[in-house]
Amino acid sequence: MDWKEILVFLRHLLLGICLSSFNFLSSIINIFYLHKEGHKIYAGMSLFLLWFPGMVTSVGFLVLYARGNRTVLKLVKWKLIVYPLLLIAFYPIIPIVLTAAYLWTRDEKTFEKATIARFFAGFLDHGPHFVLRLVIVCLSGISQGGIYKRDDTIFILSMISSFGSFILCALWFNDRESSKLNWFFLSGPMFSAIFACRAFTLAVYLRETLNDPELHASYTFFVILIMFLTNFFLFKLFGQDWTRSAVFGIASILLPAGYNNDKQYYQVPKQELIIDHEDYEIARRLRENSPESPRQVQNMEIETKEKELIPMKSGKFLLLHILVNTFLMSTCAAYIYFSKSLETESDDALIIPQIFGVIPGFFFTVGKSFLMPDILPVYEDNDTRAQQVCGACKKGAKVAFSIGFCILGFMSLVPALFWTFIYKWLTSSDIKEAIMNLNNG
């Protein structure tokens, strides 16, 4: 085993097994502790989120059967009942078991199943759990012997692991083929900024609706339902099929997911699950007046009608997704801010992400969308010199626009970080006490 294989083994062991196991065990401990301390609503919500990925995948399985999917229809009847029940009952440990099985057998099919299972757990469990723990730890505090504290070690560690797992899942699922340079300077900051903005805004909104008798808790779920429906509509509008639009629409509530047409993770519209992803090809981007003869096109369609897939418009989806969801988050913040007087923690938690978090997230997303093939499209059948020069200019313009918006994103992060450090420094208890003593002296 050479050093590359050792690094791959350690990556799967640490991120696929150890990190997933810590997330699962810390969630169980937190649920038990919340129930013991009388926080039954938070405990119930955390328990629901832990098994939520299994519910979504089970419903997706049944939807595929109802829509006549060839893969599912080939299964015997008893498996149609057993498989959804097993997904619901054991989904929290399925990614861990599949990753361990891959390390033991080195079977690539098992690795694909483990990876997809981790993705669903990341988007449907770790991300929402971070929002819930943000409410419990940072905004409300945890009751310990009648005293509310915000420094519980297990909750804070579970928050860190949830955030890291969620961002890592987003990078692997959406940008598997991107370079590490793209990860560190564009995709990673984009996902982090978007997630921070939505997480803080939804956390404050959830906290206020749960604690204020004038606001009903269903308001939060109504907002989440609107976010899902808008995501579902956007996926369908830009070429995704019905089943994937529903699944990716739920997964994209906190971060955009499944928009990059990655055939290895079955993101391409109408891609059959039973057929190996290597047997599929993404349709080439050709001009409408392509010089290929009708006979050549007809032969191509006959040979590839089962394997060639039309991708969705990823760049346009990403642009409209960030605009619509930014409007929704701003509406939530404005409703809470102007309808009642917030506590200082809630006020700052709203102002910081909305003023500072939205702007870099928007810039990074616009920069990322310019790298998508449907924004300033470059055709693959550029035969003449003029077409080739035009294609090269488009590629250069796409990269230049992306770099420009990426720089604007990092420049807009400076005020956010500066304000965060200043706010934390001025609001710490030691600094407050020192300032009061100085004034009294």
Protein backbone atom coordinates (compact mmCIF):
# COMPACT_ATOMS: atom_id res chain seq x y z
CA MET A 1 0.00 0.00 0.00
CA ASP A 2 1.63 3.25 -1.17
CA TRP A 3 1.20 6.65 0.48
CA LYS A 4 -1.68 7.68 -1.80
CA GLU A 5 -3.68 4.60 -0.84
CA ILE A 6 -2.88 5.26 2.82
CA LEU A 7 -4.19 8.83 2.51
CA VAL A 8 -7.37 7.60 0.81
CA PHE A 9 -7.85 4.97 3.53
CA LEU A 10 -7.36 7.57 6.27
CA ARG A 11 -9.77 9.97 4.55
CA HIS A 12 -12.52 7.35 4.48
CA LEU A 13 -11.73 6.21 8.02
CA LEU A 14 -11.67 9.69 9.57
CA LEU A 15 -14.37 11.44 7.53
CA GLY A 16 -16.58 8.51 6.57
CA ILE A 17 -16.53 6.51 9.81
CA CYS A 18 -15.13 8.54 12.72
CA LEU A 19 -16.82 11.86 11.89
CA SER A 20 -20.13 10.18 11.01
CA SER A 21 -20.00 8.10 14.19
CA PHE A 22 -19.32 11.20 16.29
CA ASN A 23 -22.25 13.03 14.67
CA PHE A 24 -24.57 10.10 15.36
CA LEU A 25 -23.44 9.49 18.96
CA SER A 26 -23.42 13.19 19.86
CA SER A 27 -26.94 13.53 18.45
CA ILE A 28 -28.15 10.63 20.61
CA ILE A 29 -26.47 12.14 23.70
CA ASN A 30 -27.96 15.56 22.97
CA ILE A 31 -31.44 14.11 22.48
CA PHE A 32 -31.22 12.23 25.80
CA TYR A 33 -29.92 15.32 27.61
CA LEU A 34 -32.55 17.64 26.15
CA HIS A 35 -35.32 15.24 27.11
CA LYS A 36 -33.91 14.86 30.61
CA GLU A 37 -33.75 18.64 31.13
CA GLY A 38 -37.33 19.14 29.94
CA HIS A 39 -36.62 20.53 26.46
CA LYS A 40 -39.04 18.09 24.86
CA ILE A 41 -39.70 20.18 21.74
CA TYR A 42 -35.99 20.46 20.92
CA ALA A 43 -35.46 16.77 21.72
CA GLY A 44 -38.33 15.77 19.43
CA MET A 45 -37.08 17.97 16.59
CA SER A 46 -33.54 16.56 16.94
CA LEU A 47 -34.89 13.00 16.91
CA PHE A 48 -36.93 13.75 13.80
CA LEU A 49 -33.93 15.27 11.96
CA LEU A 50 -31.76 12.25 12.77
CA TRP A 51 -34.14 9.95 10.88
CA PHE A 52 -35.31 12.51 8.32
CA PRO A 53 -32.92 11.33 5.53
CA GLY A 54 -34.35 7.83 5.83
CA MET A 55 -37.87 9.19 5.50
CA VAL A 56 -37.01 11.18 2.37
CA THR A 57 -35.19 8.31 0.66
CA SER A 58 -38.03 5.91 1.53
CA VAL A 59 -40.62 8.24 0.05
CA GLY A 60 -38.41 8.71 -3.01
CA PHE A 61 -38.20 4.93 -3.36
CA LEU A 62 -42.01 4.64 -3.33
CA VAL A 63 -42.38 7.55 -5.76
CA LEU A 64 -40.06 5.78 -8.20
CA TYR A 65 -42.26 2.69 -7.94
CA ALA A 66 -45.45 4.70 -8.47
CA ARG A 67 -43.95 6.41 -11.53
CA GLY A 68 -43.03 3.04 -13.06
CA ASN A 69 -39.27 3.20 -12.67
CA ARG A 70 -37.76 0.12 -14.35
CA THR A 71 -35.22 -0.41 -11.60
CA VAL A 72 -37.80 -0.55 -8.82
CA LEU A 73 -40.39 -2.52 -10.80
CA LYS A 74 -37.93 -5.40 -11.17
CA LEU A 75 -37.91 -5.95 -7.40
CA VAL A 76 -40.13 -8.60 -5.85
CA LYS A 77 -43.10 -7.39 -3.82
CA TRP A 78 -41.71 -8.09 -0.35
CA LYS A 79 -38.65 -5.95 -1.07
CA LEU A 80 -40.91 -3.00 -1.89
CA ILE A 81 -42.05 -3.10 1.74
CA VAL A 82 -38.83 -4.14 3.47
CA TYR A 83 -36.46 -1.66 1.75
CA PRO A 84 -38.32 1.54 2.77
CA LEU A 85 -38.75 0.26 6.33
CA LEU A 86 -35.05 -0.57 6.60
CA LEU A 87 -34.10 2.86 5.26
CA ILE A 88 -36.26 4.58 7.88
CA ALA A 89 -35.16 2.39 10.78
CA PHE A 90 -31.39 2.21 10.19
CA TYR A 91 -30.48 5.24 8.06
CA PRO A 92 -28.39 7.01 10.77
CA ILE A 93 -25.89 4.12 10.71
CA ILE A 94 -26.18 3.14 7.03
CA PRO A 95 -23.43 5.55 5.82
CA ILE A 96 -21.09 4.25 8.55
CA VAL A 97 -21.77 0.59 7.74
CA LEU A 98 -21.41 1.09 3.99
CA THR A 99 -18.13 2.99 4.39
CA ALA A 100 -16.74 0.23 6.63
CA ALA A 101 -17.88 -2.37 4.08
CA TYR A 102 -16.07 -0.49 1.31
CA LEU A 103 -12.83 -0.35 3.30
CA TRP A 104 -13.11 -4.10 3.85
CA THR A 105 -14.16 -5.20 0.34
CA ARG A 106 -12.84 -2.33 -1.85
CA ASP A 107 -15.97 -2.68 -3.97
CA GLU A 108 -16.64 0.50 -5.97
CA LYS A 109 -20.40 -0.05 -6.02
CA THR A 110 -20.42 -0.13 -2.22
CA PHE A 111 -18.38 3.08 -2.21
CA GLU A 112 -20.93 4.83 -4.44
CA LYS A 113 -23.79 3.75 -2.15
CA ALA A 114 -21.85 4.91 0.93
CA THR A 115 -21.09 8.27 -0.68
CA ILE A 116 -24.70 8.93 -1.69
CA ALA A 117 -25.90 7.87 1.78
CA ARG A 118 -23.47 10.35 3.37
CA PHE A 119 -24.69 13.08 1.05
CA PHE A 120 -28.31 12.63 2.10
CA ALA A 121 -27.25 12.56 5.74
CA GLY A 122 -25.25 15.74 5.25
CA PHE A 123 -27.95 17.77 3.49
CA LEU A 124 -30.95 16.47 5.44
CA ASP A 125 -29.44 15.82 8.89
CA HIS A 126 -26.17 17.67 9.61
CA GLY A 127 -27.24 20.99 8.10
CA PRO A 128 -30.66 21.21 9.84
CA HIS A 129 -29.10 19.92 13.07
CA PHE A 130 -26.61 22.79 13.00
CA VAL A 131 -29.51 25.27 12.82
CA LEU A 132 -31.29 23.58 15.72
CA ARG A 133 -28.13 23.47 17.86
CA LEU A 134 -27.51 27.10 17.02
CA VAL A 135 -30.89 27.90 18.55
CA ILE A 136 -30.27 25.74 21.62
CA VAL A 137 -26.69 26.73 22.42
CA CYS A 138 -26.15 30.27 21.13
CA LEU A 139 -29.57 31.90 21.30
CA SER A 140 -31.62 30.15 23.99
CA GLY A 141 -29.07 28.39 26.17
CA ILE A 142 -29.46 25.03 27.90
CA SER A 143 -31.18 24.67 31.22
CA GLN A 144 -28.82 23.11 33.76
CA GLY A 145 -30.34 23.05 37.22
CA GLY A 146 -32.59 25.98 36.34
CA ILE A 147 -29.71 28.08 34.98
CA TYR A 148 -29.39 28.63 31.23
CA LYS A 149 -25.87 28.25 29.94
CA ARG A 150 -24.38 28.61 26.45
CA ASP A 151 -21.10 26.76 26.92
CA ASP A 152 -22.07 23.09 26.78
CA THR A 153 -19.04 21.25 25.38
CA ILE A 154 -20.85 18.39 23.65
CA PHE A 155 -23.30 20.71 21.91
CA ILE A 156 -20.52 23.01 20.72
CA LEU A 157 -18.43 20.10 19.40
CA SER A 158 -21.47 18.65 17.67
CA MET A 159 -22.15 22.05 16.08
CA ILE A 160 -18.59 22.18 14.71
CA SER A 161 -18.82 18.63 13.35
CA SER A 162 -22.23 19.30 11.81
CA PHE A 163 -20.99 22.45 10.06
CA GLY A 164 -17.84 20.75 8.77
CA SER A 165 -19.72 17.65 7.60
CA PHE A 166 -22.32 19.72 5.80
CA ILE A 167 -19.83 21.90 3.92
CA LEU A 168 -17.71 18.85 3.02
CA CYS A 169 -20.79 17.02 1.68
CA ALA A 170 -21.73 20.06 -0.39
CA LEU A 171 -18.24 20.24 -1.91
CA TRP A 172 -18.06 16.55 -2.77
CA PHE A 173 -21.61 16.30 -4.08
CA ASN A 174 -21.63 19.49 -6.15
CA ASP A 175 -17.98 20.02 -7.11
CA ARG A 176 -16.36 16.60 -7.20
CA GLU A 177 -14.52 17.32 -10.44
CA SER A 178 -13.41 20.85 -9.51
CA SER A 179 -9.84 21.58 -8.55
CA LYS A 180 -8.76 22.09 -4.94
CA LEU A 181 -8.00 25.70 -5.88
CA ASN A 182 -11.66 26.12 -6.81
CA TRP A 183 -12.66 24.47 -3.52
CA PHE A 184 -10.63 26.79 -1.32
CA PHE A 185 -11.18 30.10 -3.15
CA LEU A 186 -14.67 29.83 -4.65
CA SER A 187 -16.89 26.85 -3.82
CA GLY A 188 -15.89 26.54 -0.16
CA PRO A 189 -16.39 30.25 0.67
CA MET A 190 -19.62 30.27 -1.36
CA PHE A 191 -21.18 27.36 0.53
CA SER A 192 -19.94 28.66 3.90
CA ALA A 193 -21.34 32.15 3.35
CA ILE A 194 -24.71 30.91 2.07
CA PHE A 195 -25.04 28.39 4.89
CA ALA A 196 -24.09 30.90 7.59
CA CYS A 197 -26.66 33.39 6.34
CA ARG A 198 -29.54 30.92 6.10
CA ALA A 199 -28.61 29.08 9.31
CA PHE A 200 -28.51 32.21 11.48
CA THR A 201 -31.67 33.68 9.98
CA LEU A 202 -33.68 30.45 10.27
CA ALA A 203 -32.30 29.86 13.78
CA VAL A 204 -33.51 33.26 14.99
CA TYR A 205 -36.84 32.80 13.21
CA LEU A 206 -37.30 29.35 14.76
CA ARG A 207 -36.35 30.58 18.21
CA GLU A 208 -38.78 33.49 18.11
CA THR A 209 -41.68 31.39 16.84
CA LEU A 210 -41.08 28.74 19.52
CA ASN A 211 -40.72 31.17 22.43
CA ASP A 212 -43.22 33.88 21.54
CA PRO A 213 -46.91 33.01 22.12
CA GLU A 214 -47.92 35.60 19.51
CA LEU A 215 -46.04 33.69 16.79
CA HIS A 216 -46.94 30.09 16.00
CA ALA A 217 -44.24 27.47 15.47
CA SER A 218 -45.86 26.49 12.18
CA TYR A 219 -44.63 29.79 10.70
CA THR A 220 -41.12 28.35 10.51
CA PHE A 221 -42.30 25.21 8.75
CA PHE A 222 -44.37 27.35 6.41
CA VAL A 223 -41.22 29.26 5.40
CA ILE A 224 -39.35 25.97 4.89
CA LEU A 225 -42.24 24.71 2.75
CA ILE A 226 -42.02 27.85 0.59
CA MET A 227 -38.26 27.31 0.20
CA PHE A 228 -38.83 23.71 -0.88
CA LEU A 229 -41.54 24.64 -3.38
CA THR A 230 -39.41 27.37 -4.93
CA ASN A 231 -36.45 24.99 -5.20
CA PHE A 232 -38.69 22.33 -6.75
CA PHE A 233 -40.06 24.83 -9.28
CA LEU A 234 -36.57 26.09 -10.19
CA PHE A 235 -35.25 22.55 -10.75
CA LYS A 236 -38.19 21.76 -13.04
CA LEU A 237 -37.89 25.10 -14.82
CA PHE A 238 -34.28 24.45 -15.76
CA GLY A 239 -34.68 20.89 -17.01
CA GLN A 240 -34.57 18.48 -14.04
CA ASP A 241 -37.00 15.55 -13.84
CA TRP A 242 -39.82 15.28 -11.28
CA THR A 243 -38.27 12.85 -8.80
CA ARG A 244 -34.87 14.56 -8.63
CA SER A 245 -36.56 17.97 -8.45
CA ALA A 246 -38.38 16.85 -5.31
CA VAL A 247 -35.35 15.20 -3.64
CA PHE A 248 -32.88 17.94 -4.55
CA GLY A 249 -35.48 20.57 -3.71
CA ILE A 250 -35.56 19.34 -0.10
CA ALA A 251 -31.77 19.00 0.02
CA SER A 252 -31.31 22.56 -1.30
CA ILE A 253 -33.12 24.31 1.54
CA LEU A 254 -29.89 25.30 3.30
CA LEU A 255 -27.45 24.93 0.38
CA PRO A 256 -27.94 24.31 -3.36
CA ALA A 257 -27.52 20.61 -4.11
CA GLY A 258 -27.64 18.36 -7.16
CA TYR A 259 -27.43 21.08 -9.81
CA ASN A 260 -24.07 20.19 -11.42
CA ASN A 261 -25.17 17.27 -13.65
CA ASP A 262 -22.67 14.84 -12.08
CA LYS A 263 -23.60 11.49 -13.59
CA GLN A 264 -21.58 9.57 -10.98
CA TYR A 265 -24.02 10.79 -8.32
CA TYR A 266 -27.08 10.43 -10.58
CA GLN A 267 -27.77 14.15 -10.87
CA VAL A 268 -28.51 14.16 -14.61
CA PRO A 269 -32.22 14.33 -15.54
CA LYS A 270 -33.81 10.95 -16.38
CA GLN A 271 -30.68 8.98 -15.45
CA GLU A 272 -31.63 5.41 -14.58
CA LEU A 273 -30.33 4.13 -11.25
CA ILE A 274 -29.89 0.56 -12.45
CA ILE A 275 -27.57 1.51 -15.35
CA ASP A 276 -23.92 2.15 -14.54
CA HIS A 277 -23.10 5.84 -14.72
CA GLU A 278 -20.13 5.12 -17.01
CA ASP A 279 -22.57 3.93 -19.69
CA TYR A 280 -24.13 7.39 -19.89
CA GLU A 281 -22.87 10.39 -21.79
CA ILE A 282 -23.82 14.02 -21.33
CA ALA A 283 -25.20 15.45 -24.58
CA ARG A 284 -22.74 17.66 -26.42
CA ARG A 285 -23.50 21.36 -26.67
CA LEU A 286 -23.96 21.90 -30.42
CA ARG A 287 -25.12 24.84 -32.49
CA GLU A 288 -28.68 24.80 -33.76
CA ASN A 289 -27.37 24.98 -37.35
CA SER A 290 -24.75 22.29 -36.79
CA PRO A 291 -23.04 21.22 -40.05
CA GLU A 292 -23.45 17.53 -39.19
CA SER A 293 -25.55 15.78 -41.78
CA PRO A 294 -29.06 14.53 -40.90
CA ARG A 295 -27.87 10.95 -41.42
CA GLN A 296 -25.03 11.40 -38.91
CA VAL A 297 -27.40 12.91 -36.37
CA GLN A 298 -29.89 10.09 -36.93
CA ASN A 299 -27.19 7.44 -36.47
CA MET A 300 -26.01 9.19 -33.29
CA GLU A 301 -29.55 9.20 -31.89
CA ILE A 302 -29.99 5.49 -32.66
CA GLU A 303 -26.71 4.56 -31.01
CA THR A 304 -27.07 6.74 -27.93
CA LYS A 305 -30.82 7.14 -27.35
CA GLU A 306 -30.53 4.99 -24.21
CA LYS A 307 -27.29 6.56 -22.96
CA GLU A 308 -27.16 10.23 -23.96
CA LEU A 309 -28.76 12.61 -21.46
CA ILE A 310 -29.70 16.28 -21.70
CA PRO A 311 -28.24 18.17 -18.70
CA MET A 312 -30.14 20.78 -16.71
CA LYS A 313 -29.18 24.47 -16.90
CA SER A 314 -26.94 24.61 -13.83
CA GLY A 315 -25.73 28.21 -14.02
CA LYS A 316 -29.16 29.74 -14.50
CA PHE A 317 -30.54 27.62 -11.66
CA LEU A 318 -27.74 28.72 -9.33
CA LEU A 319 -28.29 32.42 -10.11
CA LEU A 320 -32.05 32.36 -9.63
CA HIS A 321 -31.75 30.10 -6.57
CA ILE A 322 -29.52 32.54 -4.69
CA LEU A 323 -31.73 35.51 -5.63
CA VAL A 324 -34.99 33.86 -4.56
CA ASN A 325 -33.65 32.42 -1.30
CA THR A 326 -31.92 35.68 -0.38
CA PHE A 327 -35.28 37.42 -0.78
CA LEU A 328 -36.98 34.79 1.41
CA MET A 329 -34.34 35.06 4.15
CA SER A 330 -34.54 38.85 4.08
CA THR A 331 -38.33 38.62 4.39
CA CYS A 332 -38.01 36.40 7.47
CA ALA A 333 -35.51 38.77 9.05
CA ALA A 334 -37.65 41.83 8.29
CA TYR A 335 -40.81 40.20 9.66
CA ILE A 336 -39.17 39.33 12.98
CA TYR A 337 -37.25 42.59 13.23
CA PHE A 338 -40.18 44.93 12.61
CA SER A 339 -42.98 42.92 14.22
CA LYS A 340 -41.50 42.87 17.75
CA SER A 341 -38.52 44.02 19.77
CA LEU A 342 -35.75 41.41 19.72
CA GLU A 343 -33.30 40.58 22.43
CA THR A 344 -29.72 41.75 21.84
CA GLU A 345 -28.53 38.26 20.81
CA SER A 346 -31.32 37.85 18.27
CA ASP A 347 -30.88 41.38 16.93
CA ASP A 348 -27.17 40.89 16.28
CA ALA A 349 -27.73 37.39 14.90
CA LEU A 350 -30.07 38.87 12.31
CA ILE A 351 -28.04 41.94 11.40
CA ILE A 352 -24.69 40.17 11.01
CA PRO A 353 -25.76 37.51 8.46
CA GLN A 354 -28.13 39.76 6.53
CA ILE A 355 -25.80 42.74 6.10
CA PHE A 356 -22.47 40.92 5.90
CA GLY A 357 -23.35 37.31 5.04
CA VAL A 358 -25.66 37.87 2.08
CA ILE A 359 -23.24 40.01 0.11
CA PRO A 360 -20.21 37.64 -0.09
CA GLY A 361 -22.51 34.66 -0.65
CA PHE A 362 -24.10 36.46 -3.59
CA PHE A 363 -20.74 37.44 -5.12
CA PHE A 364 -19.29 33.93 -4.78
CA THR A 365 -22.44 32.37 -6.29
CA VAL A 366 -22.41 34.72 -9.29
CA GLY A 367 -18.72 33.92 -9.81
CA LYS A 368 -19.46 30.19 -9.63
CA SER A 369 -22.39 30.43 -12.05
CA PHE A 370 -20.16 31.98 -14.73
CA LEU A 371 -18.12 28.76 -14.76
CA MET A 372 -21.22 26.69 -15.58
CA PRO A 373 -21.56 25.58 -19.22
CA ASP A 374 -24.96 27.22 -19.82
CA ILE A 375 -23.76 30.75 -18.93
CA LEU A 376 -21.96 32.21 -21.97
CA PRO A 377 -22.07 28.73 -23.57
CA VAL A 378 -19.08 27.48 -25.54
CA TYR A 379 -20.09 25.10 -28.32
CA GLU A 380 -18.21 21.89 -29.03
CA ASP A 381 -18.59 22.05 -32.82
CA ASN A 382 -16.53 25.18 -33.49
CA ASP A 383 -15.10 24.32 -36.90
CA THR A 384 -14.28 27.69 -38.46
CA ARG A 385 -11.50 29.96 -37.25
CA ALA A 386 -14.01 32.66 -36.28
CA GLN A 387 -16.01 30.20 -34.17
CA GLN A 388 -12.86 28.96 -32.43
CA VAL A 389 -11.72 32.50 -31.63
CA CYS A 390 -15.19 33.35 -30.34
CA GLY A 391 -15.16 30.23 -28.16
CA ALA A 392 -11.76 31.08 -26.72
CA CYS A 393 -12.91 34.64 -25.94
CA LYS A 394 -15.98 33.28 -24.17
CA LYS A 395 -13.84 30.93 -22.05
CA GLY A 396 -11.54 33.81 -21.11
CA ALA A 397 -14.49 36.06 -20.27
CA LYS A 398 -16.08 33.35 -18.09
CA VAL A 399 -12.89 32.90 -16.07
CA ALA A 400 -12.32 36.66 -15.81
CA PHE A 401 -15.86 37.32 -14.56
CA SER A 402 -15.55 34.44 -12.09
CA ILE A 403 -12.25 35.72 -10.69
CA GLY A 404 -13.62 39.26 -10.46
CA PHE A 405 -16.70 38.24 -8.47
CA CYS A 406 -14.55 35.93 -6.32
CA ILE A 407 -12.33 38.91 -5.39
CA LEU A 408 -15.43 40.99 -4.59
CA GLY A 409 -16.64 38.15 -2.37
CA PHE A 410 -13.43 38.07 -0.34
CA MET A 411 -13.40 41.88 -0.09
CA SER A 412 -16.96 41.81 1.30
CA LEU A 413 -15.90 39.19 3.87
CA VAL A 414 -13.53 41.67 5.55
CA PRO A 415 -16.31 43.81 7.14
CA ALA A 416 -18.10 40.65 8.31
CA LEU A 417 -15.03 39.23 10.05
CA PHE A 418 -14.06 42.63 11.45
CA TRP A 419 -17.54 43.21 12.88
CA THR A 420 -17.69 39.69 14.33
CA PHE A 421 -14.41 40.05 16.19
CA ILE A 422 -15.28 43.54 17.44
CA TYR A 423 -18.73 42.39 18.56
CA LYS A 424 -17.37 39.34 20.38
CA TRP A 425 -14.66 41.42 22.02
CA LEU A 426 -17.01 44.16 23.23
CA THR A 427 -19.74 41.79 24.42
CA SER A 428 -17.53 39.40 26.40
CA SER A 429 -18.16 39.49 30.15
CA ASP A 430 -14.54 40.32 31.04
CA ILE A 431 -14.44 43.32 28.72
CA LYS A 432 -17.81 44.56 29.95
CA GLU A 433 -16.67 44.33 33.56
CA ALA A 434 -13.41 46.13 32.78
CA ILE A 435 -15.24 48.94 30.99
CA MET A 436 -17.70 49.33 33.88
CA ASN A 437 -14.87 49.42 36.41
CA LEU A 438 -13.07 52.03 34.30
CA ASN A 439 -16.17 54.19 34.15
CA ASN A 440 -16.83 53.83 37.89
CA GLY A 441 -13.22 54.64 38.66
